[in-house]
Amino acid sequence: MLDAQLLVLDLIRTLRPLVDDLATRAPDLADQVRRAATSTALNLAEGVRRSGRDKKRAYRIAAAEAHEVRAALDVALAWGFVAAPAIAPAQALADRVGRVTFALAR
């Protein structure tokens, strides 16, 4: 298992209580965060077994999905659905996952 895969699982664990809370205020946004984080993990796993351009494509998608998680957290903050201190760890992990997966795609 790639270190990036372990990192995204940490991100998902960090997101769980946030998504549960967000689901009461913005169910669509909570679902989007859940789907983007899941897609990040699954595309990383898929990339492990791919080669060439397929591998890079899977990692690019994973990086984009990680950035989508980060954007969704920013949107939730902007709407006042969550507090900045509550999402800071998830934001940092999403940024890290995005950087690592982007590096894998290069």
Protein backbone atom coordinates (compact mmCIF):
# COMPACT_ATOMS: atom_id res chain seq x y z
CA MET A 1 0.00 0.00 0.00
CA LEU A 2 1.30 3.43 -0.91
CA ASP A 3 1.96 5.97 1.83
CA ALA A 4 -0.53 8.18 -0.01
CA GLN A 5 -3.21 5.54 0.49
CA LEU A 6 -2.57 5.50 4.24
CA LEU A 7 -2.67 9.29 4.24
CA VAL A 8 -6.04 9.42 2.50
CA LEU A 9 -7.45 6.90 4.98
CA ASP A 10 -6.30 9.27 7.75
CA LEU A 11 -8.09 12.05 5.90
CA ILE A 12 -11.29 10.01 5.73
CA ARG A 13 -11.11 9.24 9.45
CA THR A 14 -10.62 12.95 10.15
CA LEU A 15 -13.54 13.85 7.89
CA ARG A 16 -16.02 11.40 9.41
CA PRO A 17 -17.24 13.56 12.32
CA LEU A 18 -17.15 16.68 10.14
CA VAL A 19 -19.24 15.02 7.45
CA ASP A 20 -21.70 13.70 10.03
CA ASP A 21 -22.13 17.21 11.42
CA LEU A 22 -22.26 18.78 7.97
CA ALA A 23 -24.95 16.31 6.89
CA THR A 24 -27.41 17.98 9.27
CA ARG A 25 -26.76 21.43 7.80
CA ALA A 26 -25.87 20.77 4.17
CA PRO A 27 -26.56 17.17 3.17
CA ASP A 28 -25.54 17.69 -0.47
CA LEU A 29 -22.20 19.17 0.51
CA ALA A 30 -21.59 16.39 3.04
CA ASP A 31 -22.29 13.83 0.34
CA GLN A 32 -19.91 15.59 -2.03
CA VAL A 33 -17.11 15.53 0.55
CA ARG A 34 -17.76 11.84 1.21
CA ARG A 35 -17.74 10.97 -2.50
CA ALA A 36 -14.62 13.03 -3.28
CA ALA A 37 -12.65 11.53 -0.40
CA THR A 38 -13.75 8.03 -1.36
CA SER A 39 -12.81 8.66 -4.98
CA THR A 40 -9.38 9.85 -3.89
CA ALA A 41 -8.74 6.58 -2.06
CA LEU A 42 -10.13 4.39 -4.83
CA ASN A 43 -8.22 6.14 -7.63
CA LEU A 44 -4.99 5.82 -5.66
CA ALA A 45 -5.63 2.10 -5.27
CA GLU A 46 -6.46 1.77 -8.94
CA GLY A 47 -3.29 3.59 -9.93
CA VAL A 48 -1.15 1.06 -8.09
CA ARG A 49 -2.20 -1.65 -10.55
CA ARG A 50 -2.10 0.51 -13.67
CA SER A 51 0.89 1.38 -15.82
CA GLY A 52 2.01 4.17 -18.08
CA ARG A 53 -0.52 6.88 -18.84
CA ASP A 54 -3.31 4.94 -17.11
CA LYS A 55 -1.35 5.09 -13.85
CA LYS A 56 -0.76 8.81 -14.17
CA ARG A 57 -4.40 9.40 -15.07
CA ALA A 58 -5.61 7.59 -11.95
CA TYR A 59 -3.22 9.62 -9.79
CA ARG A 60 -4.28 12.88 -11.48
CA ILE A 61 -7.91 12.07 -10.71
CA ALA A 62 -6.99 11.26 -7.11
CA ALA A 63 -5.18 14.61 -6.81
CA ALA A 64 -8.16 16.47 -8.26
CA GLU A 65 -10.56 14.73 -5.89
CA ALA A 66 -8.35 15.62 -2.91
CA HIS A 67 -8.46 19.24 -4.03
CA GLU A 68 -12.23 18.94 -4.31
CA VAL A 69 -12.36 17.82 -0.67
CA ARG A 70 -10.33 20.89 0.27
CA ALA A 71 -12.60 23.17 -1.75
CA ALA A 72 -15.72 21.65 -0.20
CA LEU A 73 -14.32 22.33 3.27
CA ASP A 74 -13.63 25.93 2.25
CA VAL A 75 -17.19 26.24 0.96
CA ALA A 76 -18.60 24.80 4.19
CA LEU A 77 -16.55 27.34 6.12
CA ALA A 78 -17.66 30.21 3.88
CA TRP A 79 -21.33 29.27 4.39
CA GLY A 80 -20.79 29.09 8.15
CA PHE A 81 -21.65 25.40 8.34
CA VAL A 82 -18.37 24.61 10.13
CA ALA A 83 -15.83 26.49 12.23
CA ALA A 84 -12.27 27.07 11.06
CA PRO A 85 -10.60 25.32 14.01
CA ALA A 86 -12.80 22.26 13.53
CA ILE A 87 -11.79 21.74 9.91
CA ALA A 88 -8.13 22.81 10.07
CA PRO A 89 -6.76 19.26 10.50
CA ALA A 90 -8.84 17.99 7.58
CA GLN A 91 -7.78 20.92 5.42
CA ALA A 92 -4.12 20.22 6.16
CA LEU A 93 -4.51 16.52 5.36
CA ALA A 94 -6.44 17.24 2.15
CA ASP A 95 -3.65 19.61 1.06
CA ARG A 96 -1.03 16.98 1.86
CA VAL A 97 -2.91 14.24 0.01
CA GLY A 98 -3.29 16.58 -2.96
CA ARG A 99 0.44 17.35 -3.04
CA VAL A 100 1.46 13.69 -2.72
CA THR A 101 -0.97 12.44 -5.36
CA PHE A 102 -0.04 15.26 -7.72
CA ALA A 103 3.61 14.26 -7.34
CA LEU A 104 2.70 10.65 -8.15
CA ALA A 105 0.98 11.82 -11.33
CA ARG A 106 4.10 13.58 -12.61
